[in-house]
Amino acid sequence: MIRTLAALLIAAVSAVAVAQAPANPPVRIRGTVEKIEGTNLTVKTNSGQSVTIKLADNYTVIGIAKAGLADVASGKFIGTTTLGERDGALVALEVHIFPRPCAVPAKGTTTGT
C-alpha cells in the first residue's frame, strides 16, 4: 500500500514537472544584432548565420560595446569571464564593465565612489 502510494505520488509530481516545462526551452545565441523590427530580432551569429528571433511583447535588450583598458578605472564595477588553465591559473577571456545602475556592491564592501 505504501509503495503504491509512493509510486502514485512520484508519478503525480513528475506529471506536474512535465506540465510546467516550457514548450520551447531557452536557446543562447551569441552574435551581432543586425536589426529589430517590432518584436522580430535579426542576429548574425558568430558562425556567420543570420537568425530571426521572435521576441515577447515585453522584451528588454541589453547591449555590449567594445572598451579598452583605459575604460577600467577606479570607481567602475567589473566582472570577468575566465578560463582555468591546467596549472590552476585563471586567464581572463573577457572583462565586463557594468553601468552604475547594474552595479550592486556585496555586503561589507565599498561602492567605489
PDB file of N, CA and C in Angstrom:
ATOM      1  N   MET A   1       0.819  -1.194   0.000  1.00  0.00           N
ATOM      2  CA  MET A   1       0.000   0.000   0.000  1.00  0.00           C
ATOM      3  C   MET A   1       0.865   1.261   0.000  1.00  0.00           C
ATOM      4  N   ILE A   2       1.897   1.269   0.890  1.00  0.00           N
ATOM      5  CA  ILE A   2       2.771   2.445   0.955  1.00  0.00           C
ATOM      6  C   ILE A   2       3.561   2.587  -0.338  1.00  0.00           C
ATOM      7  N   ARG A   3       4.025   1.461  -0.905  1.00  0.00           N
ATOM      8  CA  ARG A   3       4.770   1.534  -2.177  1.00  0.00           C
ATOM      9  C   ARG A   3       3.883   2.069  -3.283  1.00  0.00           C
ATOM     10  N   THR A   4       2.629   1.617  -3.331  1.00  0.00           N
ATOM     11  CA  THR A   4       1.705   2.083  -4.356  1.00  0.00           C
ATOM     12  C   THR A   4       1.440   3.574  -4.191  1.00  0.00           C
ATOM     13  N   LEU A   5       1.247   4.017  -2.951  1.00  0.00           N
ATOM     14  CA  LEU A   5       1.010   5.431  -2.685  1.00  0.00           C
ATOM     15  C   LEU A   5       2.230   6.270  -3.074  1.00  0.00           C
ATOM     16  N   ALA A   6       3.429   5.782  -2.748  1.00  0.00           N
ATOM     17  CA  ALA A   6       4.655   6.491  -3.115  1.00  0.00           C
ATOM     18  C   ALA A   6       4.805   6.562  -4.625  1.00  0.00           C
ATOM     19  N   ALA A   7       4.511   5.473  -5.326  1.00  0.00           N
ATOM     20  CA  ALA A   7       4.607   5.456  -6.786  1.00  0.00           C
ATOM     21  C   ALA A   7       3.626   6.445  -7.407  1.00  0.00           C
ATOM     22  N   LEU A   8       2.413   6.511  -6.865  1.00  0.00           N
ATOM     23  CA  LEU A   8       1.421   7.463  -7.373  1.00  0.00           C
ATOM     24  C   LEU A   8       1.863   8.903  -7.113  1.00  0.00           C
ATOM     25  N   LEU A   9       2.435   9.149  -5.935  1.00  0.00           N
ATOM     26  CA  LEU A   9       2.903  10.485  -5.605  1.00  0.00           C
ATOM     27  C   LEU A   9       4.037  10.909  -6.537  1.00  0.00           C
ATOM     28  N   ILE A  10       4.990  10.000  -6.790  1.00  0.00           N
ATOM     29  CA  ILE A  10       6.100  10.299  -7.709  1.00  0.00           C
ATOM     30  C   ILE A  10       5.569  10.553  -9.119  1.00  0.00           C
ATOM     31  N   ALA A  11       4.607   9.746  -9.558  1.00  0.00           N
ATOM     32  CA  ALA A  11       4.022   9.930 -10.885  1.00  0.00           C
ATOM     33  C   ALA A  11       3.310  11.279 -10.979  1.00  0.00           C
ATOM     34  N   ALA A  12       2.598  11.671  -9.917  1.00  0.00           N
ATOM     35  CA  ALA A  12       1.876  12.939  -9.926  1.00  0.00           C
ATOM     36  C   ALA A  12       2.851  14.110  -9.969  1.00  0.00           C
ATOM     37  N   VAL A  13       3.931  14.047  -9.170  1.00  0.00           N
ATOM     38  CA  VAL A  13       4.932  15.117  -9.170  1.00  0.00           C
ATOM     39  C   VAL A  13       5.615  15.196 -10.518  1.00  0.00           C
ATOM     40  N   SER A  14       5.925  14.056 -11.122  1.00  0.00           N
ATOM     41  CA  SER A  14       6.557  14.044 -12.444  1.00  0.00           C
ATOM     42  C   SER A  14       5.638  14.664 -13.485  1.00  0.00           C
ATOM     43  N   ALA A  15       4.351  14.360 -13.410  1.00  0.00           N
ATOM     44  CA  ALA A  15       3.398  14.914 -14.374  1.00  0.00           C
ATOM     45  C   ALA A  15       3.323  16.431 -14.235  1.00  0.00           C
ATOM     46  N   VAL A  16       3.355  16.941 -12.999  1.00  0.00           N
ATOM     47  CA  VAL A  16       3.324  18.384 -12.786  1.00  0.00           C
ATOM     48  C   VAL A  16       4.587  19.017 -13.359  1.00  0.00           C
ATOM     49  N   ALA A  17       5.747  18.393 -13.138  1.00  0.00           N
ATOM     50  CA  ALA A  17       7.013  18.933 -13.651  1.00  0.00           C
ATOM     51  C   ALA A  17       7.000  18.975 -15.173  1.00  0.00           C
ATOM     52  N   VAL A  18       6.498  17.939 -15.810  1.00  0.00           N
ATOM     53  CA  VAL A  18       6.423  17.913 -17.271  1.00  0.00           C
ATOM     54  C   VAL A  18       5.450  18.963 -17.768  1.00  0.00           C
ATOM     55  N   ALA A  19       4.330  19.139 -17.072  1.00  0.00           N
ATOM     56  CA  ALA A  19       3.337  20.119 -17.495  1.00  0.00           C
ATOM     57  C   ALA A  19       3.876  21.539 -17.387  1.00  0.00           C
ATOM     58  N   GLN A  20       4.832  21.803 -16.474  1.00  0.00           N
ATOM     59  CA  GLN A  20       5.365  23.139 -16.300  1.00  0.00           C
ATOM     60  C   GLN A  20       6.558  23.431 -17.204  1.00  0.00           C
ATOM     61  N   ALA A  21       7.084  22.421 -17.889  1.00  0.00           N
ATOM     62  CA  ALA A  21       8.235  22.630 -18.767  1.00  0.00           C
ATOM     63  C   ALA A  21       7.832  23.550 -19.921  1.00  0.00           C
ATOM     64  N   PRO A  22       8.682  24.521 -20.286  1.00  0.00           N
ATOM     65  CA  PRO A  22       8.338  25.418 -21.383  1.00  0.00           C
ATOM     66  C   PRO A  22       8.252  24.663 -22.708  1.00  0.00           C
ATOM     67  N   ALA A  23       7.373  25.137 -23.577  1.00  0.00           N
ATOM     68  CA  ALA A  23       7.204  24.495 -24.881  1.00  0.00           C
ATOM     69  C   ALA A  23       8.495  24.571 -25.691  1.00  0.00           C
ATOM     70  N   ASN A  24       9.155  25.707 -25.630  1.00  0.00           N
ATOM     71  CA  ASN A  24      10.431  25.899 -26.320  1.00  0.00           C
ATOM     72  C   ASN A  24      11.481  26.291 -25.293  1.00  0.00           C
ATOM     73  N   PRO A  25      12.384  25.394 -24.961  1.00  0.00           N
ATOM     74  CA  PRO A  25      13.395  25.739 -23.968  1.00  0.00           C
ATOM     75  C   PRO A  25      14.286  26.873 -24.473  1.00  0.00           C
ATOM     76  N   PRO A  26      14.837  27.684 -23.559  1.00  0.00           N
ATOM     77  CA  PRO A  26      15.687  28.807 -23.974  1.00  0.00           C
ATOM     78  C   PRO A  26      16.915  28.327 -24.753  1.00  0.00           C
ATOM     79  N   VAL A  27      17.305  29.131 -25.729  1.00  0.00           N
ATOM     80  CA  VAL A  27      18.484  28.852 -26.541  1.00  0.00           C
ATOM     81  C   VAL A  27      19.378  30.086 -26.491  1.00  0.00           C
ATOM     82  N   ARG A  28      20.666  29.889 -26.232  1.00  0.00           N
ATOM     83  CA  ARG A  28      21.603  31.018 -26.200  1.00  0.00           C
ATOM     84  C   ARG A  28      22.156  31.237 -27.604  1.00  0.00           C
ATOM     85  N   ILE A  29      22.088  32.497 -28.041  1.00  0.00           N
ATOM     86  CA  ILE A  29      22.609  32.876 -29.350  1.00  0.00           C
ATOM     87  C   ILE A  29      23.575  34.032 -29.118  1.00  0.00           C
ATOM     88  N   ARG A  30      24.779  33.900 -29.621  1.00  0.00           N
ATOM     89  CA  ARG A  30      25.759  34.969 -29.469  1.00  0.00           C
ATOM     90  C   ARG A  30      26.107  35.497 -30.848  1.00  0.00           C
ATOM     91  N   GLY A  31      26.020  36.808 -31.019  1.00  0.00           N
ATOM     92  CA  GLY A  31      26.318  37.390 -32.310  1.00  0.00           C
ATOM     93  C   GLY A  31      26.094  38.886 -32.293  1.00  0.00           C
ATOM     94  N   THR A  32      25.893  39.434 -33.469  1.00  0.00           N
ATOM     95  CA  THR A  32      25.715  40.873 -33.640  1.00  0.00           C
ATOM     96  C   THR A  32      24.285  41.145 -34.091  1.00  0.00           C
ATOM     97  N   VAL A  33      23.629  42.094 -33.425  1.00  0.00           N
ATOM     98  CA  VAL A  33      22.263  42.464 -33.809  1.00  0.00           C
ATOM     99  C   VAL A  33      22.326  43.190 -35.144  1.00  0.00           C
ATOM    100  N   GLU A  34      21.592  42.667 -36.126  1.00  0.00           N
ATOM    101  CA  GLU A  34      21.524  43.319 -37.430  1.00  0.00           C
ATOM    102  C   GLU A  34      20.372  44.300 -37.502  1.00  0.00           C
ATOM    103  N   LYS A  35      19.198  43.901 -36.947  1.00  0.00           N
ATOM    104  CA  LYS A  35      18.053  44.816 -36.950  1.00  0.00           C
ATOM    105  C   LYS A  35      16.976  44.316 -35.989  1.00  0.00           C
ATOM    106  N   ILE A  36      16.137  45.261 -35.572  1.00  0.00           N
ATOM    107  CA  ILE A  36      14.954  44.951 -34.776  1.00  0.00           C
ATOM    108  C   ILE A  36      13.775  45.590 -35.484  1.00  0.00           C
ATOM    109  N   GLU A  37      12.783  44.791 -35.815  1.00  0.00           N
ATOM    110  CA  GLU A  37      11.550  45.273 -36.438  1.00  0.00           C
ATOM    111  C   GLU A  37      10.388  44.766 -35.609  1.00  0.00           C
ATOM    112  N   GLY A  38       9.778  45.662 -34.836  1.00  0.00           N
ATOM    113  CA  GLY A  38       8.696  45.245 -33.947  1.00  0.00           C
ATOM    114  C   GLY A  38       9.231  44.266 -32.906  1.00  0.00           C
ATOM    115  N   THR A  39       8.704  43.049 -32.927  1.00  0.00           N
ATOM    116  CA  THR A  39       9.183  42.024 -31.988  1.00  0.00           C
ATOM    117  C   THR A  39      10.058  40.982 -32.680  1.00  0.00           C
ATOM    118  N   ASN A  40      10.544  41.294 -33.883  1.00  0.00           N
ATOM    119  CA  ASN A  40      11.459  40.392 -34.587  1.00  0.00           C
ATOM    120  C   ASN A  40      12.883  40.936 -34.503  1.00  0.00           C
ATOM    121  N   LEU A  41      13.778  40.121 -33.970  1.00  0.00           N
ATOM    122  CA  LEU A  41      15.178  40.480 -33.808  1.00  0.00           C
ATOM    123  C   LEU A  41      15.991  39.622 -34.763  1.00  0.00           C
ATOM    124  N   THR A  42      16.808  40.244 -35.607  1.00  0.00           N
ATOM    125  CA  THR A  42      17.674  39.513 -36.525  1.00  0.00           C
ATOM    126  C   THR A  42      19.105  39.628 -36.024  1.00  0.00           C
ATOM    127  N   VAL A  43      19.746  38.478 -35.817  1.00  0.00           N
ATOM    128  CA  VAL A  43      21.105  38.407 -35.284  1.00  0.00           C
ATOM    129  C   VAL A  43      21.990  37.663 -36.264  1.00  0.00           C
ATOM    130  N   LYS A  44      23.192  38.197 -36.517  1.00  0.00           N
ATOM    131  CA  LYS A  44      24.199  37.473 -37.294  1.00  0.00           C
ATOM    132  C   LYS A  44      25.076  36.762 -36.268  1.00  0.00           C
ATOM    133  N   THR A  45      25.005  35.434 -36.250  1.00  0.00           N
ATOM    134  CA  THR A  45      25.722  34.657 -35.244  1.00  0.00           C
ATOM    135  C   THR A  45      27.220  34.696 -35.503  1.00  0.00           C
ATOM    136  N   ASN A  46      27.992  34.258 -34.508  1.00  0.00           N
ATOM    137  CA  ASN A  46      29.449  34.239 -34.648  1.00  0.00           C
ATOM    138  C   ASN A  46      29.899  33.319 -35.774  1.00  0.00           C
ATOM    139  N   SER A  47      29.044  32.364 -36.168  1.00  0.00           N
ATOM    140  CA  SER A  47      29.386  31.473 -37.274  1.00  0.00           C
ATOM    141  C   SER A  47      29.006  32.063 -38.630  1.00  0.00           C
ATOM    142  N   GLY A  48      28.381  33.270 -38.620  1.00  0.00           N
ATOM    143  CA  GLY A  48      28.033  33.938 -39.879  1.00  0.00           C
ATOM    144  C   GLY A  48      26.602  33.733 -40.326  1.00  0.00           C
ATOM    145  N   GLN A  49      25.848  32.887 -39.631  1.00  0.00           N
ATOM    146  CA  GLN A  49      24.454  32.601 -39.993  1.00  0.00           C
ATOM    147  C   GLN A  49      23.557  33.734 -39.498  1.00  0.00           C
ATOM    148  N   SER A  50      22.565  34.127 -40.295  1.00  0.00           N
ATOM    149  CA  SER A  50      21.609  35.148 -39.901  1.00  0.00           C
ATOM    150  C   SER A  50      20.377  34.440 -39.333  1.00  0.00           C
ATOM    151  N   VAL A  51      19.974  34.825 -38.103  1.00  0.00           N
ATOM    152  CA  VAL A  51      18.875  34.170 -37.401  1.00  0.00           C
ATOM    153  C   VAL A  51      17.849  35.225 -37.009  1.00  0.00           C
ATOM    154  N   THR A  52      16.558  34.958 -37.265  1.00  0.00           N
ATOM    155  CA  THR A  52      15.483  35.844 -36.834  1.00  0.00           C
ATOM    156  C   THR A  52      14.813  35.224 -35.614  1.00  0.00           C
ATOM    157  N   ILE A  53      14.661  36.041 -34.571  1.00  0.00           N
ATOM    158  CA  ILE A  53      14.116  35.582 -33.300  1.00  0.00           C
ATOM    159  C   ILE A  53      12.854  36.370 -33.005  1.00  0.00           C
ATOM    160  N   LYS A  54      11.775  35.662 -32.661  1.00  0.00           N
ATOM    161  CA  LYS A  54      10.519  36.305 -32.259  1.00  0.00           C
ATOM    162  C   LYS A  54      10.614  36.607 -30.775  1.00  0.00           C
ATOM    163  N   LEU A  55      10.532  37.890 -30.415  1.00  0.00           N
ATOM    164  CA  LEU A  55      10.641  38.318 -29.026  1.00  0.00           C
ATOM    165  C   LEU A  55       9.266  38.423 -28.380  1.00  0.00           C
ATOM    166  N   ALA A  56       9.229  38.344 -27.060  1.00  0.00           N
ATOM    167  CA  ALA A  56       7.988  38.563 -26.324  1.00  0.00           C
ATOM    168  C   ALA A  56       7.578  40.018 -26.484  1.00  0.00           C
ATOM    169  N   ASP A  57       6.313  40.312 -26.264  1.00  0.00           N
ATOM    170  CA  ASP A  57       5.831  41.686 -26.406  1.00  0.00           C
ATOM    171  C   ASP A  57       6.522  42.639 -25.433  1.00  0.00           C
ATOM    172  N   ASN A  58       6.951  42.140 -24.273  1.00  0.00           N
ATOM    173  CA  ASN A  58       7.572  42.991 -23.259  1.00  0.00           C
ATOM    174  C   ASN A  58       9.081  42.738 -23.163  1.00  0.00           C
ATOM    175  N   TYR A  59       9.741  42.564 -24.295  1.00  0.00           N
ATOM    176  CA  TYR A  59      11.165  42.237 -24.299  1.00  0.00           C
ATOM    177  C   TYR A  59      12.033  43.391 -23.806  1.00  0.00           C
ATOM    178  N   THR A  60      13.235  43.040 -23.343  1.00  0.00           N
ATOM    179  CA  THR A  60      14.245  44.008 -22.921  1.00  0.00           C
ATOM    180  C   THR A  60      15.533  43.680 -23.653  1.00  0.00           C
ATOM    181  N   VAL A  61      16.249  44.694 -24.100  1.00  0.00           N
ATOM    182  CA  VAL A  61      17.500  44.491 -24.818  1.00  0.00           C
ATOM    183  C   VAL A  61      18.655  45.056 -23.991  1.00  0.00           C
ATOM    184  N   ILE A  62      19.725  44.285 -23.868  1.00  0.00           N
ATOM    185  CA  ILE A  62      20.943  44.725 -23.201  1.00  0.00           C
ATOM    186  C   ILE A  62      22.062  44.599 -24.226  1.00  0.00           C
ATOM    187  N   GLY A  63      22.892  45.622 -24.342  1.00  0.00           N
ATOM    188  CA  GLY A  63      23.935  45.609 -25.360  1.00  0.00           C
ATOM    189  C   GLY A  63      25.333  45.562 -24.782  1.00  0.00           C
ATOM    190  N   ILE A  64      26.264  45.293 -25.652  1.00  0.00           N
ATOM    191  CA  ILE A  64      27.681  45.254 -25.302  1.00  0.00           C
ATOM    192  C   ILE A  64      28.414  46.175 -26.266  1.00  0.00           C
ATOM    193  N   ALA A  65      29.327  46.978 -25.731  1.00  0.00           N
ATOM    194  CA  ALA A  65      30.141  47.868 -26.559  1.00  0.00           C
ATOM    195  C   ALA A  65      31.609  47.584 -26.281  1.00  0.00           C
ATOM    196  N   LYS A  66      32.434  47.729 -27.298  1.00  0.00           N
ATOM    197  CA  LYS A  66      33.860  47.496 -27.143  1.00  0.00           C
ATOM    198  C   LYS A  66      34.452  48.590 -26.256  1.00  0.00           C
ATOM    199  N   ALA A  67      35.333  48.175 -25.350  1.00  0.00           N
ATOM    200  CA  ALA A  67      36.005  49.113 -24.453  1.00  0.00           C
ATOM    201  C   ALA A  67      37.478  48.755 -24.412  1.00  0.00           C
ATOM    202  N   GLY A  68      38.278  49.695 -23.973  1.00  0.00           N
ATOM    203  CA  GLY A  68      39.711  49.469 -23.859  1.00  0.00           C
ATOM    204  C   GLY A  68      40.143  49.419 -22.407  1.00  0.00           C
ATOM    205  N   LEU A  69      41.410  49.127 -22.184  1.00  0.00           N
ATOM    206  CA  LEU A  69      41.955  49.040 -20.841  1.00  0.00           C
ATOM    207  C   LEU A  69      41.792  50.353 -20.080  1.00  0.00           C
ATOM    208  N   ALA A  70      41.842  51.463 -20.777  1.00  0.00           N
ATOM    209  CA  ALA A  70      41.691  52.769 -20.136  1.00  0.00           C
ATOM    210  C   ALA A  70      40.289  52.965 -19.554  1.00  0.00           C
ATOM    211  N   ASP A  71      39.312  52.189 -20.036  1.00  0.00           N
ATOM    212  CA  ASP A  71      37.940  52.295 -19.531  1.00  0.00           C
ATOM    213  C   ASP A  71      37.761  51.619 -18.178  1.00  0.00           C
ATOM    214  N   VAL A  72      38.717  50.791 -17.777  1.00  0.00           N
ATOM    215  CA  VAL A  72      38.678  50.148 -16.464  1.00  0.00           C
ATOM    216  C   VAL A  72      39.414  51.077 -15.511  1.00  0.00           C
ATOM    217  N   ALA A  73      38.660  51.702 -14.601  1.00  0.00           N
ATOM    218  CA  ALA A  73      39.258  52.700 -13.717  1.00  0.00           C
ATOM    219  C   ALA A  73      38.646  52.600 -12.329  1.00  0.00           C
ATOM    220  N   SER A  74      39.222  53.321 -11.406  1.00  0.00           N
ATOM    221  CA  SER A  74      38.718  53.364 -10.037  1.00  0.00           C
ATOM    222  C   SER A  74      37.267  53.827 -10.045  1.00  0.00           C
ATOM    223  N   GLY A  75      36.438  53.163  -9.265  1.00  0.00           N
ATOM    224  CA  GLY A  75      35.021  53.522  -9.188  1.00  0.00           C
ATOM    225  C   GLY A  75      34.158  52.788 -10.189  1.00  0.00           C
ATOM    226  N   LYS A  76      34.749  52.007 -11.093  1.00  0.00           N
ATOM    227  CA  LYS A  76      33.980  51.229 -12.071  1.00  0.00           C
ATOM    228  C   LYS A  76      33.740  49.834 -11.497  1.00  0.00           C
ATOM    229  N   PHE A  77      32.639  49.226 -11.866  1.00  0.00           N
ATOM    230  CA  PHE A  77      32.318  47.875 -11.432  1.00  0.00           C
ATOM    231  C   PHE A  77      32.568  46.934 -12.597  1.00  0.00           C
ATOM    232  N   ILE A  78      33.356  45.891 -12.346  1.00  0.00           N
ATOM    233  CA  ILE A  78      33.703  44.959 -13.416  1.00  0.00           C
ATOM    234  C   ILE A  78      33.387  43.528 -13.014  1.00  0.00           C
ATOM    235  N   GLY A  79      33.310  42.682 -14.010  1.00  0.00           N
ATOM    236  CA  GLY A  79      33.207  41.241 -13.843  1.00  0.00           C
ATOM    237  C   GLY A  79      34.080  40.612 -14.905  1.00  0.00           C
ATOM    238  N   THR A  80      34.495  39.391 -14.706  1.00  0.00           N
ATOM    239  CA  THR A  80      35.344  38.737 -15.698  1.00  0.00           C
ATOM    240  C   THR A  80      34.785  37.377 -16.082  1.00  0.00           C
ATOM    241  N   THR A  81      35.075  36.987 -17.305  1.00  0.00           N
ATOM    242  CA  THR A  81      34.834  35.633 -17.759  1.00  0.00           C
ATOM    243  C   THR A  81      36.206  35.001 -17.838  1.00  0.00           C
ATOM    244  N   THR A  82      36.403  33.928 -17.079  1.00  0.00           N
ATOM    245  CA  THR A  82      37.736  33.332 -17.005  1.00  0.00           C
ATOM    246  C   THR A  82      37.723  31.887 -17.464  1.00  0.00           C
ATOM    247  N   LEU A  83      38.912  31.425 -17.799  1.00  0.00           N
ATOM    248  CA  LEU A  83      39.117  30.043 -18.206  1.00  0.00           C
ATOM    249  C   LEU A  83      40.230  29.483 -17.346  1.00  0.00           C
ATOM    250  N   GLY A  84      39.994  28.318 -16.756  1.00  0.00           N
ATOM    251  CA  GLY A  84      41.010  27.692 -15.918  1.00  0.00           C
ATOM    252  C   GLY A  84      42.061  26.993 -16.756  1.00  0.00           C
ATOM    253  N   GLU A  85      43.310  27.235 -16.424  1.00  0.00           N
ATOM    254  CA  GLU A  85      44.426  26.575 -17.094  1.00  0.00           C
ATOM    255  C   GLU A  85      44.751  25.274 -16.369  1.00  0.00           C
ATOM    256  N   ARG A  86      45.524  24.415 -16.995  1.00  0.00           N
ATOM    257  CA  ARG A  86      45.892  23.130 -16.391  1.00  0.00           C
ATOM    258  C   ARG A  86      46.670  23.296 -15.091  1.00  0.00           C
ATOM    259  N   ASP A  87      47.434  24.394 -14.979  1.00  0.00           N
ATOM    260  CA  ASP A  87      48.217  24.606 -13.761  1.00  0.00           C
ATOM    261  C   ASP A  87      47.397  25.255 -12.650  1.00  0.00           C
ATOM    262  N   GLY A  88      46.100  25.449 -12.889  1.00  0.00           N
ATOM    263  CA  GLY A  88      45.223  26.032 -11.879  1.00  0.00           C
ATOM    264  C   GLY A  88      45.049  27.531 -11.994  1.00  0.00           C
ATOM    265  N   ALA A  89      45.835  28.187 -12.831  1.00  0.00           N
ATOM    266  CA  ALA A  89      45.721  29.637 -13.006  1.00  0.00           C
ATOM    267  C   ALA A  89      44.436  29.967 -13.756  1.00  0.00           C
ATOM    268  N   LEU A  90      43.890  31.140 -13.514  1.00  0.00           N
ATOM    269  CA  LEU A  90      42.724  31.626 -14.243  1.00  0.00           C
ATOM    270  C   LEU A  90      43.177  32.686 -15.229  1.00  0.00           C
ATOM    271  N   VAL A  91      42.681  32.593 -16.465  1.00  0.00           N
ATOM    272  CA  VAL A  91      43.010  33.551 -17.512  1.00  0.00           C
ATOM    273  C   VAL A  91      41.717  34.258 -17.912  1.00  0.00           C
ATOM    274  N   ALA A  92      41.712  35.588 -17.881  1.00  0.00           N
ATOM    275  CA  ALA A  92      40.525  36.357 -18.242  1.00  0.00           C
ATOM    276  C   ALA A  92      40.315  36.310 -19.755  1.00  0.00           C
ATOM    277  N   LEU A  93      39.146  35.889 -20.167  1.00  0.00           N
ATOM    278  CA  LEU A  93      38.782  35.915 -21.584  1.00  0.00           C
ATOM    279  C   LEU A  93      38.090  37.225 -21.927  1.00  0.00           C
ATOM    280  N   GLU A  94      37.275  37.701 -20.984  1.00  0.00           N
ATOM    281  CA  GLU A  94      36.536  38.946 -21.177  1.00  0.00           C
ATOM    282  C   GLU A  94      36.508  39.698 -19.859  1.00  0.00           C
ATOM    283  N   VAL A  95      36.474  41.011 -19.946  1.00  0.00           N
ATOM    284  CA  VAL A  95      36.258  41.859 -18.786  1.00  0.00           C
ATOM    285  C   VAL A  95      34.997  42.660 -19.080  1.00  0.00           C
ATOM    286  N   HIS A  96      34.049  42.628 -18.162  1.00  0.00           N
ATOM    287  CA  HIS A  96      32.774  43.321 -18.335  1.00  0.00           C
ATOM    288  C   HIS A  96      32.753  44.537 -17.425  1.00  0.00           C
ATOM    289  N   ILE A  97      32.451  45.705 -17.986  1.00  0.00           N
ATOM    290  CA  ILE A  97      32.311  46.936 -17.209  1.00  0.00           C
ATOM    291  C   ILE A  97      30.815  47.216 -17.124  1.00  0.00           C
ATOM    292  N   PHE A  98      30.291  47.195 -15.901  1.00  0.00           N
ATOM    293  CA  PHE A  98      28.855  47.361 -15.708  1.00  0.00           C
ATOM    294  C   PHE A  98      28.494  48.824 -15.499  1.00  0.00           C
ATOM    295  N   PRO A  99      27.371  49.250 -16.088  1.00  0.00           N
ATOM    296  CA  PRO A  99      26.912  50.618 -15.825  1.00  0.00           C
ATOM    297  C   PRO A  99      26.506  50.741 -14.351  1.00  0.00           C
ATOM    298  N   ARG A 100      26.611  51.918 -13.817  1.00  0.00           N
ATOM    299  CA  ARG A 100      26.357  52.151 -12.388  1.00  0.00           C
ATOM    300  C   ARG A 100      25.022  51.575 -11.897  1.00  0.00           C
ATOM    301  N   PRO A 101      23.895  51.706 -12.605  1.00  0.00           N
ATOM    302  CA  PRO A 101      22.638  51.157 -12.091  1.00  0.00           C
ATOM    303  C   PRO A 101      22.666  49.625 -11.921  1.00  0.00           C
ATOM    304  N   CYS A 102      23.498  48.933 -12.669  1.00  0.00           N
ATOM    305  CA  CYS A 102      23.575  47.470 -12.575  1.00  0.00           C
ATOM    306  C   CYS A 102      24.487  47.019 -11.452  1.00  0.00           C
ATOM    307  N   ALA A 103      25.349  47.906 -10.988  1.00  0.00           N
ATOM    308  CA  ALA A 103      26.364  47.522 -10.014  1.00  0.00           C
ATOM    309  C   ALA A 103      25.815  47.612  -8.604  1.00  0.00           C
ATOM    310  N   VAL A 104      25.766  46.482  -7.925  1.00  0.00           N
ATOM    311  CA  VAL A 104      25.334  46.438  -6.541  1.00  0.00           C
ATOM    312  C   VAL A 104      26.474  45.807  -5.754  1.00  0.00           C
ATOM    313  N   PRO A 105      27.161  46.586  -4.917  1.00  0.00           N
ATOM    314  CA  PRO A 105      28.305  46.034  -4.204  1.00  0.00           C
ATOM    315  C   PRO A 105      27.874  44.970  -3.191  1.00  0.00           C
ATOM    316  N   ALA A 106      28.751  44.032  -2.943  1.00  0.00           N
ATOM    317  CA  ALA A 106      28.493  42.989  -1.967  1.00  0.00           C
ATOM    318  C   ALA A 106      28.462  43.609  -0.577  1.00  0.00           C
ATOM    319  N   LYS A 107      27.719  42.996   0.317  1.00  0.00           N
ATOM    320  CA  LYS A 107      27.599  43.478   1.685  1.00  0.00           C
ATOM    321  C   LYS A 107      28.987  43.566   2.335  1.00  0.00           C
ATOM    322  N   GLY A 108      29.283  44.708   2.942  1.00  0.00           N
ATOM    323  CA  GLY A 108      30.562  44.872   3.615  1.00  0.00           C
ATOM    324  C   GLY A 108      31.659  45.450   2.736  1.00  0.00           C
ATOM    325  N   THR A 109      31.342  45.781   1.469  1.00  0.00           N
ATOM    326  CA  THR A 109      32.348  46.371   0.578  1.00  0.00           C
ATOM    327  C   THR A 109      31.977  47.816   0.294  1.00  0.00           C
ATOM    328  N   THR A 110      32.914  48.569  -0.234  1.00  0.00           N
ATOM    329  CA  THR A 110      32.649  49.970  -0.554  1.00  0.00           C
ATOM    330  C   THR A 110      32.063  50.064  -1.959  1.00  0.00           C
ATOM    331  N   THR A 111      31.486  51.189  -2.274  1.00  0.00           N
ATOM    332  CA  THR A 111      30.853  51.399  -3.577  1.00  0.00           C
ATOM    333  C   THR A 111      31.812  51.945  -4.613  1.00  0.00           C
ATOM    334  N   GLY A 112      33.032  52.286  -4.228  1.00  0.00           N
ATOM    335  CA  GLY A 112      33.988  52.806  -5.192  1.00  0.00           C
ATOM    336  C   GLY A 112      33.805  54.256  -5.531  1.00  0.00           C
ATOM    337  N   THR A 113      32.980  54.963  -4.767  1.00  0.00           N
ATOM    338  CA  THR A 113      32.770  56.388  -5.062  1.00  0.00           C
ATOM    339  C   THR A 113      33.687  57.254  -4.256  1.00  0.00           C
TER     340      THR A 113
END
